[in-house]
Amino acid sequence: MRFLYRIVEGEVKMPDDQKYFTYGVRAYRQQHQTWICTAEVRDISPNRRFVQRLVQLYNRLQLDPDHLYDVVQDAVIDENSSF
């Protein structure tokens, strides 16, 4: 079974009406000749480069989408602990 990960862009509106973009990850599972969305984690970070690195890693490792939420959560903790 093959998996494909893509970056997802979202927009967040703050209470003071300011808007900013956040990025997430969407996972697809190949079923015959079709790609089916099986998991998604939105609003991971406003840092597109960070989320793009996650997408590249998950594609290379062929991460099972069943583990996406936990792996993203660990990545965000690791990223924030480097400050």
C-alpha atoms as a PDB file:
ATOM      1  CA  MET A   1       0.000   0.000   0.000  1.00  0.00           C
ATOM      2  CA  ARG A   2       1.281   3.471  -0.884  1.00  0.00           C
ATOM      3  CA  PHE A   3       0.746   6.725   0.993  1.00  0.00           C
ATOM      4  CA  LEU A   4       1.003  10.302  -0.211  1.00  0.00           C
ATOM      5  CA  TYR A   5       1.260  13.413   1.949  1.00  0.00           C
ATOM      6  CA  ARG A   6       0.491  16.977   0.900  1.00  0.00           C
ATOM      7  CA  ILE A   7       0.640  20.330   2.624  1.00  0.00           C
ATOM      8  CA  VAL A   8      -2.701  22.012   3.383  1.00  0.00           C
ATOM      9  CA  GLU A   9      -3.059  25.773   3.752  1.00  0.00           C
ATOM     10  CA  GLY A  10      -5.608  27.315   6.077  1.00  0.00           C
ATOM     11  CA  GLU A  11      -6.510  30.777   7.256  1.00  0.00           C
ATOM     12  CA  VAL A  12      -7.141  31.677  10.886  1.00  0.00           C
ATOM     13  CA  LYS A  13      -9.037  34.766  11.933  1.00  0.00           C
ATOM     14  CA  MET A  14      -8.138  36.196  15.319  1.00  0.00           C
ATOM     15  CA  PRO A  15     -10.648  37.916  17.640  1.00  0.00           C
ATOM     16  CA  ASP A  16      -9.191  41.302  16.599  1.00  0.00           C
ATOM     17  CA  ASP A  17     -10.024  40.437  12.934  1.00  0.00           C
ATOM     18  CA  GLN A  18      -6.391  39.870  11.958  1.00  0.00           C
ATOM     19  CA  LYS A  19      -5.844  36.905   9.667  1.00  0.00           C
ATOM     20  CA  TYR A  20      -2.854  34.654   9.241  1.00  0.00           C
ATOM     21  CA  PHE A  21      -2.075  31.468   7.360  1.00  0.00           C
ATOM     22  CA  THR A  22      -1.382  28.122   8.974  1.00  0.00           C
ATOM     23  CA  TYR A  23      -0.249  24.903   7.378  1.00  0.00           C
ATOM     24  CA  GLY A  24      -1.220  21.317   7.942  1.00  0.00           C
ATOM     25  CA  VAL A  25      -0.785  17.859   6.466  1.00  0.00           C
ATOM     26  CA  ARG A  26      -3.243  15.738   4.515  1.00  0.00           C
ATOM     27  CA  ALA A  27      -2.627  12.000   4.017  1.00  0.00           C
ATOM     28  CA  TYR A  28      -3.830   9.918   1.098  1.00  0.00           C
ATOM     29  CA  ARG A  29      -3.886   6.148   0.710  1.00  0.00           C
ATOM     30  CA  GLN A  30      -3.693   4.593  -2.726  1.00  0.00           C
ATOM     31  CA  GLN A  31      -6.557   2.237  -3.438  1.00  0.00           C
ATOM     32  CA  HIS A  32      -6.221   0.670  -6.868  1.00  0.00           C
ATOM     33  CA  GLN A  33      -5.753   3.676  -9.205  1.00  0.00           C
ATOM     34  CA  THR A  34      -7.339   6.210  -6.820  1.00  0.00           C
ATOM     35  CA  TRP A  35      -5.932   8.314  -3.978  1.00  0.00           C
ATOM     36  CA  ILE A  36      -8.293   8.574  -0.996  1.00  0.00           C
ATOM     37  CA  CYS A  37      -7.855  11.119   1.801  1.00  0.00           C
ATOM     38  CA  THR A  38      -7.570   9.129   5.008  1.00  0.00           C
ATOM     39  CA  ALA A  39      -6.222  11.610   7.571  1.00  0.00           C
ATOM     40  CA  GLU A  40      -5.608  15.299   8.045  1.00  0.00           C
ATOM     41  CA  VAL A  41      -4.070  17.509  10.705  1.00  0.00           C
ATOM     42  CA  ARG A  42      -4.732  21.219  10.235  1.00  0.00           C
ATOM     43  CA  ASP A  43      -3.146  24.267  11.838  1.00  0.00           C
ATOM     44  CA  ILE A  44       0.151  22.596  12.662  1.00  0.00           C
ATOM     45  CA  SER A  45       2.212  25.756  12.278  1.00  0.00           C
ATOM     46  CA  PRO A  46       2.366  29.159  10.582  1.00  0.00           C
ATOM     47  CA  ASN A  47       5.842  28.078   9.406  1.00  0.00           C
ATOM     48  CA  ARG A  48       5.346  26.604   5.924  1.00  0.00           C
ATOM     49  CA  ARG A  49       8.954  25.415   5.685  1.00  0.00           C
ATOM     50  CA  PHE A  50       8.582  23.346   8.887  1.00  0.00           C
ATOM     51  CA  VAL A  51       5.394  21.663   7.655  1.00  0.00           C
ATOM     52  CA  GLN A  52       6.905  21.072   4.209  1.00  0.00           C
ATOM     53  CA  ARG A  53       9.814  19.230   5.859  1.00  0.00           C
ATOM     54  CA  LEU A  54       7.286  17.029   7.684  1.00  0.00           C
ATOM     55  CA  VAL A  55       5.484  16.251   4.418  1.00  0.00           C
ATOM     56  CA  GLN A  56       8.757  15.308   2.712  1.00  0.00           C
ATOM     57  CA  LEU A  57       9.760  13.080   5.630  1.00  0.00           C
ATOM     58  CA  TYR A  58       6.394  11.315   5.802  1.00  0.00           C
ATOM     59  CA  ASN A  59       6.445  10.681   2.051  1.00  0.00           C
ATOM     60  CA  ARG A  60       9.970   9.290   2.184  1.00  0.00           C
ATOM     61  CA  LEU A  61       9.221   7.033   5.170  1.00  0.00           C
ATOM     62  CA  GLN A  62       5.750   6.076   3.896  1.00  0.00           C
ATOM     63  CA  LEU A  63       4.272   6.822   7.319  1.00  0.00           C
ATOM     64  CA  ASP A  64       1.003   4.994   7.906  1.00  0.00           C
ATOM     65  CA  PRO A  65      -1.722   7.678   8.210  1.00  0.00           C
ATOM     66  CA  ASP A  66      -3.023   5.928  11.333  1.00  0.00           C
ATOM     67  CA  HIS A  67      -0.026   7.434  13.136  1.00  0.00           C
ATOM     68  CA  LEU A  68      -0.186  10.921  11.623  1.00  0.00           C
ATOM     69  CA  TYR A  69      -1.673  12.795  14.588  1.00  0.00           C
ATOM     70  CA  ASP A  70       0.785  11.340  17.121  1.00  0.00           C
ATOM     71  CA  VAL A  71       3.827  11.903  14.896  1.00  0.00           C
ATOM     72  CA  VAL A  72       2.807  15.508  14.150  1.00  0.00           C
ATOM     73  CA  GLN A  73       2.260  16.146  17.851  1.00  0.00           C
ATOM     74  CA  ASP A  74       5.776  14.866  18.624  1.00  0.00           C
ATOM     75  CA  ALA A  75       7.275  16.984  15.817  1.00  0.00           C
ATOM     76  CA  VAL A  76       5.613  20.152  17.110  1.00  0.00           C
ATOM     77  CA  ILE A  77       6.845  19.482  20.650  1.00  0.00           C
ATOM     78  CA  ASP A  78      10.384  18.911  19.339  1.00  0.00           C
ATOM     79  CA  GLU A  79      10.251  22.065  17.204  1.00  0.00           C
ATOM     80  CA  ASN A  80       9.031  24.210  20.095  1.00  0.00           C
ATOM     81  CA  SER A  81      11.534  22.808  22.572  1.00  0.00           C
ATOM     82  CA  SER A  82      14.415  24.089  20.435  1.00  0.00           C
ATOM     83  CA  PHE A  83      13.636  27.687  21.396  1.00  0.00           C
END
